[in-house]
Amino acid sequence: MDRTDTSSVAPHEHPSARAPGDDLLPRTHFEPADGIPLPAGTVVSAAAAREHARAVVLRHWNSASRGASEAALIDLLLVVSELTTNAIRHGGGLAAFEVTPTGEGVRLTVQDNSDVVPAVAFGSGELPVGHHGNGYGWPLIIRLAREITITPGPGGGKTISVLVPLA
């Protein structure tokens, strides 16, 4: 019998349900809080960030008069995955993650530990000619999000903020 150690897996997450890149950080026990930002210093995976974003939308954005379509929610979760995975892989780690509902959708704020601004972050969203393999993240973010800002942190690192429309 295969005994998979699930002690480090987030609640309600089966080990086989992990997305590529989710194993780049140690797992933490994660339950979305009533508040919107994750507690300061909390180390999260892309999976935990997606779970938190989904919970915020269901709890704070959806209502009797409005609701995010399944397609809009999928777009949001793709942007969450790309931003958090980029912070983990290329930004020296995910320093902070926040989800804020707005009248138009959800503002995502991701802070990492690198001063490097990706060259493609302010591109057109088109893939380069002859593009193969990795590098689809920023073109995807540019196509699905609005109001993209990148701000250097006072002590290093950077904060990336995007608005993902849900309406």
N, C-alpha and C. Protein backbone atom coordinates (compact mmCIF):
# COMPACT_ATOMS: atom_id res chain seq x y z
N MET A 1 0.84 -1.17 0.00
CA MET A 1 0.00 0.00 0.00
C MET A 1 0.89 1.24 0.00
N ASP A 2 0.57 2.22 -0.85
CA ASP A 2 1.32 3.46 -0.93
C ASP A 2 0.86 4.39 0.18
N ARG A 3 1.77 4.78 1.02
CA ARG A 3 1.44 5.70 2.12
C ARG A 3 2.10 7.03 1.83
N THR A 4 1.35 7.93 1.23
CA THR A 4 1.86 9.26 0.91
C THR A 4 1.77 10.13 2.15
N ASP A 5 2.85 10.79 2.50
CA ASP A 5 2.86 11.69 3.64
C ASP A 5 2.10 12.95 3.27
N THR A 6 0.96 13.17 3.91
CA THR A 6 0.16 14.36 3.63
C THR A 6 0.23 15.37 4.77
N SER A 7 1.16 15.20 5.70
CA SER A 7 1.23 16.10 6.85
C SER A 7 1.56 17.53 6.45
N SER A 8 2.21 17.71 5.32
CA SER A 8 2.58 19.07 4.91
C SER A 8 1.67 19.62 3.82
N VAL A 9 0.57 18.95 3.56
CA VAL A 9 -0.35 19.38 2.51
C VAL A 9 -1.42 20.27 3.12
N ALA A 10 -1.76 21.35 2.43
CA ALA A 10 -2.78 22.27 2.91
C ALA A 10 -4.10 21.53 3.09
N PRO A 11 -4.94 21.97 4.03
CA PRO A 11 -6.23 21.32 4.23
C PRO A 11 -7.04 21.25 2.95
N HIS A 12 -7.74 20.16 2.77
CA HIS A 12 -8.62 19.94 1.62
C HIS A 12 -7.88 19.82 0.30
N GLU A 13 -6.59 19.56 0.34
CA GLU A 13 -5.80 19.44 -0.88
C GLU A 13 -5.19 18.05 -0.93
N HIS A 14 -5.52 17.30 -1.94
CA HIS A 14 -4.94 15.98 -2.14
C HIS A 14 -3.60 16.15 -2.83
N PRO A 15 -2.57 15.36 -2.47
CA PRO A 15 -1.25 15.54 -3.09
C PRO A 15 -1.28 15.50 -4.61
N SER A 16 -2.17 14.72 -5.20
CA SER A 16 -2.22 14.63 -6.66
C SER A 16 -2.85 15.86 -7.29
N ALA A 17 -3.46 16.74 -6.48
CA ALA A 17 -4.12 17.92 -7.02
C ALA A 17 -3.18 19.11 -7.14
N ARG A 18 -1.94 18.93 -6.82
CA ARG A 18 -0.98 20.04 -6.89
C ARG A 18 -0.70 20.43 -8.34
N ALA A 19 -0.57 21.72 -8.54
CA ALA A 19 -0.24 22.24 -9.87
C ALA A 19 1.27 22.34 -10.01
N PRO A 20 1.78 22.37 -11.24
CA PRO A 20 3.23 22.54 -11.43
C PRO A 20 3.71 23.80 -10.73
N GLY A 21 4.83 23.69 -10.05
CA GLY A 21 5.40 24.84 -9.37
C GLY A 21 4.97 24.98 -7.92
N ASP A 22 3.91 24.25 -7.51
CA ASP A 22 3.44 24.37 -6.14
C ASP A 22 4.41 23.78 -5.13
N ASP A 23 5.34 22.96 -5.57
CA ASP A 23 6.26 22.32 -4.64
C ASP A 23 7.53 23.15 -4.43
N LEU A 24 7.51 24.39 -4.85
CA LEU A 24 8.71 25.21 -4.74
C LEU A 24 8.90 25.80 -3.35
N LEU A 25 7.86 25.80 -2.54
CA LEU A 25 7.96 26.29 -1.17
C LEU A 25 7.41 25.22 -0.23
N PRO A 26 7.90 25.20 1.00
CA PRO A 26 7.32 24.26 1.95
C PRO A 26 5.85 24.59 2.17
N ARG A 27 5.06 23.59 2.38
CA ARG A 27 3.63 23.79 2.63
C ARG A 27 3.44 24.40 4.02
N THR A 28 2.41 25.20 4.14
CA THR A 28 2.00 25.69 5.45
C THR A 28 0.55 25.30 5.62
N HIS A 29 0.13 25.15 6.84
CA HIS A 29 -1.30 24.90 7.05
C HIS A 29 -2.00 26.22 6.80
N PHE A 30 -2.94 26.24 5.88
CA PHE A 30 -3.53 27.48 5.41
C PHE A 30 -5.03 27.40 5.48
N GLU A 31 -5.61 28.32 6.15
CA GLU A 31 -7.05 28.51 6.15
C GLU A 31 -7.27 29.98 5.85
N PRO A 32 -8.06 30.31 4.81
CA PRO A 32 -8.31 31.72 4.54
C PRO A 32 -8.92 32.39 5.77
N ALA A 33 -8.38 33.53 6.13
CA ALA A 33 -8.87 34.26 7.30
C ALA A 33 -10.08 35.09 6.91
N ASP A 34 -10.78 35.63 7.90
CA ASP A 34 -11.90 36.51 7.60
C ASP A 34 -11.41 37.78 6.92
N GLY A 35 -10.19 38.19 7.22
CA GLY A 35 -9.60 39.36 6.57
C GLY A 35 -9.16 39.01 5.16
N ILE A 36 -8.75 40.00 4.42
CA ILE A 36 -8.38 39.77 3.03
C ILE A 36 -6.90 39.49 2.84
N PRO A 37 -5.98 40.24 3.48
CA PRO A 37 -4.57 39.90 3.29
C PRO A 37 -4.20 38.66 4.08
N LEU A 38 -3.20 37.95 3.62
CA LEU A 38 -2.67 36.84 4.40
C LEU A 38 -1.88 37.42 5.55
N PRO A 39 -1.79 36.71 6.67
CA PRO A 39 -1.00 37.22 7.79
C PRO A 39 0.43 37.52 7.37
N ALA A 40 0.99 38.59 7.90
CA ALA A 40 2.36 38.99 7.57
C ALA A 40 3.32 37.85 7.86
N GLY A 41 4.23 37.61 6.94
CA GLY A 41 5.23 36.58 7.12
C GLY A 41 4.77 35.18 6.78
N THR A 42 3.53 35.03 6.37
CA THR A 42 3.03 33.71 6.01
C THR A 42 3.65 33.29 4.69
N VAL A 43 4.26 32.14 4.65
CA VAL A 43 4.82 31.60 3.42
C VAL A 43 3.75 30.73 2.79
N VAL A 44 3.39 31.03 1.54
CA VAL A 44 2.32 30.28 0.89
C VAL A 44 2.79 29.74 -0.44
N SER A 45 2.12 28.73 -0.90
CA SER A 45 2.35 28.19 -2.24
C SER A 45 1.37 28.86 -3.20
N ALA A 46 1.55 28.61 -4.48
CA ALA A 46 0.60 29.11 -5.48
C ALA A 46 -0.78 28.52 -5.21
N ALA A 47 -0.85 27.28 -4.78
CA ALA A 47 -2.14 26.64 -4.49
C ALA A 47 -2.85 27.35 -3.35
N ALA A 48 -2.14 27.69 -2.29
CA ALA A 48 -2.75 28.39 -1.16
C ALA A 48 -3.19 29.79 -1.58
N ALA A 49 -2.41 30.46 -2.42
CA ALA A 49 -2.79 31.78 -2.91
C ALA A 49 -4.07 31.70 -3.74
N ARG A 50 -4.17 30.68 -4.60
CA ARG A 50 -5.40 30.50 -5.39
C ARG A 50 -6.59 30.25 -4.47
N GLU A 51 -6.41 29.41 -3.47
CA GLU A 51 -7.49 29.10 -2.53
C GLU A 51 -7.95 30.37 -1.81
N HIS A 52 -7.00 31.19 -1.39
CA HIS A 52 -7.33 32.44 -0.71
C HIS A 52 -8.09 33.38 -1.66
N ALA A 53 -7.62 33.53 -2.89
CA ALA A 53 -8.29 34.41 -3.86
C ALA A 53 -9.72 33.95 -4.12
N ARG A 54 -9.90 32.65 -4.31
CA ARG A 54 -11.24 32.12 -4.54
C ARG A 54 -12.14 32.40 -3.34
N ALA A 55 -11.63 32.20 -2.13
CA ALA A 55 -12.41 32.44 -0.92
C ALA A 55 -12.82 33.91 -0.80
N VAL A 56 -11.90 34.82 -1.13
CA VAL A 56 -12.21 36.25 -1.06
C VAL A 56 -13.32 36.59 -2.05
N VAL A 57 -13.24 36.06 -3.26
CA VAL A 57 -14.28 36.34 -4.26
C VAL A 57 -15.62 35.81 -3.78
N LEU A 58 -15.65 34.58 -3.30
CA LEU A 58 -16.91 33.99 -2.87
C LEU A 58 -17.48 34.71 -1.65
N ARG A 59 -16.62 35.16 -0.75
CA ARG A 59 -17.07 35.78 0.50
C ARG A 59 -17.34 37.27 0.36
N HIS A 60 -16.53 37.98 -0.42
CA HIS A 60 -16.59 39.44 -0.42
C HIS A 60 -17.00 40.08 -1.74
N TRP A 61 -16.92 39.36 -2.85
CA TRP A 61 -17.26 39.99 -4.13
C TRP A 61 -18.61 39.52 -4.64
N ASN A 62 -18.83 38.22 -4.60
CA ASN A 62 -20.12 37.69 -5.06
C ASN A 62 -21.23 38.11 -4.10
N SER A 63 -22.38 38.44 -4.66
CA SER A 63 -23.54 38.81 -3.85
C SER A 63 -24.79 38.43 -4.63
N ALA A 64 -25.94 38.75 -4.07
CA ALA A 64 -27.20 38.45 -4.75
C ALA A 64 -27.32 39.23 -6.05
N SER A 65 -26.69 40.42 -6.12
CA SER A 65 -26.83 41.26 -7.31
C SER A 65 -25.69 41.12 -8.31
N ARG A 66 -24.61 40.45 -7.91
CA ARG A 66 -23.50 40.25 -8.84
C ARG A 66 -22.75 38.98 -8.45
N GLY A 67 -22.08 38.45 -9.43
CA GLY A 67 -21.27 37.27 -9.19
C GLY A 67 -20.27 37.09 -10.31
N ALA A 68 -19.13 36.53 -9.97
CA ALA A 68 -18.10 36.28 -10.99
C ALA A 68 -18.50 35.06 -11.79
N SER A 69 -18.39 35.16 -13.11
CA SER A 69 -18.64 33.99 -13.95
C SER A 69 -17.52 32.98 -13.75
N GLU A 70 -17.76 31.75 -14.13
CA GLU A 70 -16.72 30.72 -14.01
C GLU A 70 -15.50 31.10 -14.84
N ALA A 71 -15.72 31.68 -16.03
CA ALA A 71 -14.60 32.10 -16.89
C ALA A 71 -13.78 33.20 -16.21
N ALA A 72 -14.46 34.17 -15.58
CA ALA A 72 -13.74 35.26 -14.90
C ALA A 72 -12.96 34.72 -13.71
N LEU A 73 -13.54 33.78 -12.98
CA LEU A 73 -12.85 33.18 -11.84
C LEU A 73 -11.62 32.40 -12.30
N ILE A 74 -11.74 31.69 -13.41
CA ILE A 74 -10.59 30.96 -13.97
C ILE A 74 -9.49 31.94 -14.37
N ASP A 75 -9.87 33.05 -15.02
CA ASP A 75 -8.88 34.08 -15.38
C ASP A 75 -8.16 34.59 -14.13
N LEU A 76 -8.93 34.88 -13.08
CA LEU A 76 -8.33 35.36 -11.83
C LEU A 76 -7.34 34.34 -11.28
N LEU A 77 -7.72 33.08 -11.24
CA LEU A 77 -6.85 32.05 -10.67
C LEU A 77 -5.60 31.84 -11.52
N LEU A 78 -5.71 32.01 -12.84
CA LEU A 78 -4.52 31.95 -13.70
C LEU A 78 -3.55 33.08 -13.37
N VAL A 79 -4.07 34.29 -13.20
CA VAL A 79 -3.21 35.43 -12.88
C VAL A 79 -2.57 35.23 -11.50
N VAL A 80 -3.35 34.76 -10.52
CA VAL A 80 -2.79 34.46 -9.19
C VAL A 80 -1.64 33.47 -9.32
N SER A 81 -1.87 32.39 -10.07
CA SER A 81 -0.83 31.36 -10.25
C SER A 81 0.43 31.93 -10.87
N GLU A 82 0.27 32.72 -11.92
CA GLU A 82 1.44 33.27 -12.62
C GLU A 82 2.21 34.25 -11.74
N LEU A 83 1.51 35.16 -11.07
CA LEU A 83 2.20 36.14 -10.23
C LEU A 83 2.92 35.48 -9.06
N THR A 84 2.25 34.56 -8.39
CA THR A 84 2.88 33.93 -7.22
C THR A 84 4.00 32.99 -7.63
N THR A 85 3.82 32.24 -8.70
CA THR A 85 4.88 31.35 -9.17
C THR A 85 6.09 32.15 -9.63
N ASN A 86 5.87 33.28 -10.31
CA ASN A 86 6.99 34.15 -10.71
C ASN A 86 7.74 34.66 -9.48
N ALA A 87 7.00 35.07 -8.44
CA ALA A 87 7.66 35.55 -7.22
C ALA A 87 8.51 34.45 -6.59
N ILE A 88 7.98 33.24 -6.59
CA ILE A 88 8.69 32.10 -5.99
C ILE A 88 9.91 31.72 -6.82
N ARG A 89 9.73 31.60 -8.12
CA ARG A 89 10.81 31.12 -9.00
C ARG A 89 11.85 32.18 -9.34
N HIS A 90 11.39 33.40 -9.59
CA HIS A 90 12.29 34.43 -10.12
C HIS A 90 12.49 35.62 -9.19
N GLY A 91 11.66 35.75 -8.15
CA GLY A 91 11.70 36.93 -7.31
C GLY A 91 12.28 36.73 -5.93
N GLY A 92 12.95 35.62 -5.72
CA GLY A 92 13.56 35.40 -4.41
C GLY A 92 12.58 35.02 -3.33
N GLY A 93 11.38 34.64 -3.71
CA GLY A 93 10.38 34.20 -2.74
C GLY A 93 9.20 35.15 -2.65
N LEU A 94 8.09 34.61 -2.22
CA LEU A 94 6.85 35.37 -2.07
C LEU A 94 6.86 36.02 -0.69
N ALA A 95 6.98 37.35 -0.64
CA ALA A 95 7.06 38.07 0.63
C ALA A 95 5.68 38.44 1.16
N ALA A 96 4.72 38.71 0.28
CA ALA A 96 3.37 39.08 0.70
C ALA A 96 2.41 38.85 -0.45
N PHE A 97 1.15 38.59 -0.12
CA PHE A 97 0.10 38.38 -1.11
C PHE A 97 -1.19 38.93 -0.54
N GLU A 98 -1.88 39.77 -1.33
CA GLU A 98 -3.12 40.37 -0.86
C GLU A 98 -4.15 40.35 -1.98
N VAL A 99 -5.40 40.13 -1.61
CA VAL A 99 -6.52 40.12 -2.55
C VAL A 99 -7.53 41.14 -2.04
N THR A 100 -7.86 42.14 -2.88
CA THR A 100 -8.78 43.19 -2.48
C THR A 100 -9.91 43.32 -3.49
N PRO A 101 -11.15 43.06 -3.09
CA PRO A 101 -12.28 43.25 -4.00
C PRO A 101 -12.46 44.74 -4.33
N THR A 102 -12.82 45.02 -5.58
CA THR A 102 -13.14 46.39 -6.01
C THR A 102 -14.48 46.33 -6.73
N GLY A 103 -14.97 47.46 -7.18
CA GLY A 103 -16.21 47.48 -7.93
C GLY A 103 -16.12 46.76 -9.26
N GLU A 104 -14.92 46.69 -9.83
CA GLU A 104 -14.72 46.07 -11.14
C GLU A 104 -14.28 44.62 -11.07
N GLY A 105 -13.68 44.23 -9.96
CA GLY A 105 -13.14 42.88 -9.87
C GLY A 105 -12.31 42.71 -8.62
N VAL A 106 -11.09 42.22 -8.80
CA VAL A 106 -10.21 41.95 -7.67
C VAL A 106 -8.82 42.51 -7.96
N ARG A 107 -8.27 43.25 -7.00
CA ARG A 107 -6.90 43.73 -7.11
C ARG A 107 -6.01 42.75 -6.38
N LEU A 108 -4.99 42.26 -7.09
CA LEU A 108 -4.00 41.35 -6.51
C LEU A 108 -2.73 42.15 -6.26
N THR A 109 -2.14 41.96 -5.10
CA THR A 109 -0.87 42.60 -4.77
C THR A 109 0.09 41.51 -4.32
N VAL A 110 1.20 41.40 -5.04
CA VAL A 110 2.21 40.38 -4.76
C VAL A 110 3.53 41.09 -4.51
N GLN A 111 4.16 40.75 -3.39
CA GLN A 111 5.46 41.33 -3.08
C GLN A 111 6.49 40.22 -3.08
N ASP A 112 7.64 40.48 -3.73
CA ASP A 112 8.73 39.50 -3.72
C ASP A 112 10.00 40.15 -3.19
N ASN A 113 11.10 39.43 -3.26
CA ASN A 113 12.36 39.88 -2.67
C ASN A 113 13.40 40.31 -3.70
N SER A 114 13.00 40.48 -4.96
CA SER A 114 13.94 40.84 -6.02
C SER A 114 13.65 42.25 -6.53
N ASP A 115 14.72 42.98 -6.83
CA ASP A 115 14.57 44.32 -7.42
C ASP A 115 14.39 44.26 -8.94
N VAL A 116 14.57 43.11 -9.53
CA VAL A 116 14.54 42.97 -10.99
C VAL A 116 13.10 43.06 -11.50
N VAL A 117 12.88 43.97 -12.45
CA VAL A 117 11.58 44.09 -13.11
C VAL A 117 11.66 43.31 -14.41
N PRO A 118 10.77 42.35 -14.61
CA PRO A 118 10.82 41.56 -15.84
C PRO A 118 10.68 42.46 -17.07
N ALA A 119 11.54 42.24 -18.05
CA ALA A 119 11.53 43.06 -19.27
C ALA A 119 10.19 43.00 -19.99
N VAL A 120 9.51 41.87 -19.91
CA VAL A 120 8.25 41.70 -20.64
C VAL A 120 7.04 42.21 -19.86
N ALA A 121 7.24 42.71 -18.64
CA ALA A 121 6.12 43.11 -17.79
C ALA A 121 5.28 44.23 -18.39
N PHE A 122 5.87 45.07 -19.20
CA PHE A 122 5.12 46.16 -19.80
C PHE A 122 5.01 45.99 -21.31
N GLY A 123 5.06 44.74 -21.75
CA GLY A 123 4.95 44.43 -23.17
C GLY A 123 3.52 44.44 -23.65
N SER A 124 3.34 43.95 -24.86
CA SER A 124 2.02 43.95 -25.49
C SER A 124 1.19 42.73 -25.13
N GLY A 125 1.81 41.74 -24.53
CA GLY A 125 1.10 40.49 -24.26
C GLY A 125 1.30 39.46 -25.34
N GLU A 126 2.00 39.85 -26.40
CA GLU A 126 2.29 38.92 -27.49
C GLU A 126 3.53 38.11 -27.16
N LEU A 127 3.54 36.86 -27.59
CA LEU A 127 4.72 36.03 -27.42
C LEU A 127 5.73 36.40 -28.49
N PRO A 128 7.02 36.34 -28.17
CA PRO A 128 8.03 36.65 -29.18
C PRO A 128 8.00 35.63 -30.32
N VAL A 129 8.41 36.05 -31.49
CA VAL A 129 8.49 35.15 -32.64
C VAL A 129 9.48 34.04 -32.31
N GLY A 130 9.12 32.83 -32.63
CA GLY A 130 9.99 31.70 -32.36
C GLY A 130 10.01 31.29 -30.90
N HIS A 131 9.04 31.74 -30.13
CA HIS A 131 8.99 31.44 -28.70
C HIS A 131 8.68 29.96 -28.49
N HIS A 132 9.45 29.35 -27.60
CA HIS A 132 9.24 27.93 -27.27
C HIS A 132 9.38 27.74 -25.76
N GLY A 133 8.49 26.97 -25.18
CA GLY A 133 8.66 26.58 -23.77
C GLY A 133 8.13 27.57 -22.77
N ASN A 134 8.95 27.91 -21.79
CA ASN A 134 8.55 28.79 -20.69
C ASN A 134 8.36 30.22 -21.18
N GLY A 135 7.88 31.07 -20.28
CA GLY A 135 7.76 32.48 -20.60
C GLY A 135 6.37 32.92 -20.99
N TYR A 136 5.36 32.11 -20.72
CA TYR A 136 3.99 32.48 -21.06
C TYR A 136 3.32 33.32 -19.98
N GLY A 137 3.93 33.39 -18.79
CA GLY A 137 3.29 34.03 -17.65
C GLY A 137 2.95 35.49 -17.85
N TRP A 138 3.94 36.33 -18.16
CA TRP A 138 3.66 37.76 -18.31
C TRP A 138 2.73 38.07 -19.48
N PRO A 139 2.90 37.44 -20.65
CA PRO A 139 1.90 37.69 -21.70
C PRO A 139 0.48 37.35 -21.24
N LEU A 140 0.32 36.28 -20.47
CA LEU A 140 -0.99 35.90 -19.94
C LEU A 140 -1.50 36.95 -18.96
N ILE A 141 -0.65 37.39 -18.04
CA ILE A 141 -1.04 38.42 -17.07
C ILE A 141 -1.47 39.69 -17.79
N ILE A 142 -0.70 40.12 -18.79
CA ILE A 142 -1.02 41.34 -19.54
C ILE A 142 -2.36 41.23 -20.24
N ARG A 143 -2.68 40.05 -20.75
CA ARG A 143 -3.96 39.87 -21.45
C ARG A 143 -5.15 39.81 -20.52
N LEU A 144 -4.97 39.30 -19.30
CA LEU A 144 -6.10 39.07 -18.40
C LEU A 144 -6.28 40.16 -17.34
N ALA A 145 -5.25 40.95 -17.07
CA ALA A 145 -5.31 41.94 -15.99
C ALA A 145 -5.22 43.36 -16.55
N ARG A 146 -5.59 44.31 -15.72
CA ARG A 146 -5.53 45.73 -16.05
C ARG A 146 -4.76 46.45 -14.95
N GLU A 147 -4.45 47.71 -15.17
CA GLU A 147 -3.83 48.56 -14.15
C GLU A 147 -2.63 47.87 -13.50
N ILE A 148 -1.71 47.40 -14.31
CA ILE A 148 -0.52 46.70 -13.83
C ILE A 148 0.50 47.74 -13.37
N THR A 149 0.91 47.65 -12.11
CA THR A 149 1.96 48.54 -11.59
C THR A 149 3.03 47.70 -10.90
N ILE A 150 4.26 48.16 -11.02
CA ILE A 150 5.38 47.52 -10.34
C ILE A 150 6.11 48.62 -9.58
N THR A 151 6.18 48.47 -8.26
CA THR A 151 6.76 49.50 -7.40
C THR A 151 7.93 48.91 -6.62
N PRO A 152 9.10 49.57 -6.68
CA PRO A 152 10.23 49.08 -5.87
C PRO A 152 9.92 49.19 -4.39
N GLY A 153 10.36 48.20 -3.61
CA GLY A 153 10.18 48.24 -2.17
C GLY A 153 11.22 49.13 -1.52
N PRO A 154 10.90 49.78 -0.40
CA PRO A 154 11.85 50.68 0.25
C PRO A 154 13.12 49.98 0.73
N GLY A 155 13.01 48.72 1.09
CA GLY A 155 14.18 47.98 1.55
C GLY A 155 14.62 46.91 0.58
N GLY A 156 14.21 47.04 -0.68
CA GLY A 156 14.50 46.03 -1.69
C GLY A 156 13.24 45.27 -2.06
N GLY A 157 13.36 44.47 -3.07
CA GLY A 157 12.20 43.75 -3.57
C GLY A 157 11.29 44.66 -4.35
N LYS A 158 10.13 44.16 -4.69
CA LYS A 158 9.16 44.95 -5.45
C LYS A 158 7.76 44.47 -5.13
N THR A 159 6.80 45.33 -5.42
CA THR A 159 5.39 45.00 -5.27
C THR A 159 4.74 45.12 -6.64
N ILE A 160 4.04 44.07 -7.03
CA ILE A 160 3.31 44.06 -8.29
C ILE A 160 1.83 44.07 -7.96
N SER A 161 1.10 45.00 -8.56
CA SER A 161 -0.33 45.13 -8.33
C SER A 161 -1.04 45.07 -9.67
N VAL A 162 -2.10 44.28 -9.74
CA VAL A 162 -2.89 44.17 -10.96
C VAL A 162 -4.37 44.12 -10.58
N LEU A 163 -5.21 44.58 -11.49
CA LEU A 163 -6.65 44.46 -11.34
C LEU A 163 -7.14 43.40 -12.32
N VAL A 164 -7.82 42.40 -11.80
CA VAL A 164 -8.41 41.37 -12.65
C VAL A 164 -9.92 41.62 -12.68
N PRO A 165 -10.47 42.00 -13.85
CA PRO A 165 -11.91 42.27 -13.93
C PRO A 165 -12.72 41.00 -13.70
N LEU A 166 -13.81 41.14 -12.97
CA LEU A 166 -14.73 40.02 -12.76
C LEU A 166 -16.12 40.33 -13.30
N ALA A 167 -16.37 41.61 -13.58
CA ALA A 167 -17.70 42.01 -14.05
C ALA A 167 -17.82 41.81 -15.54
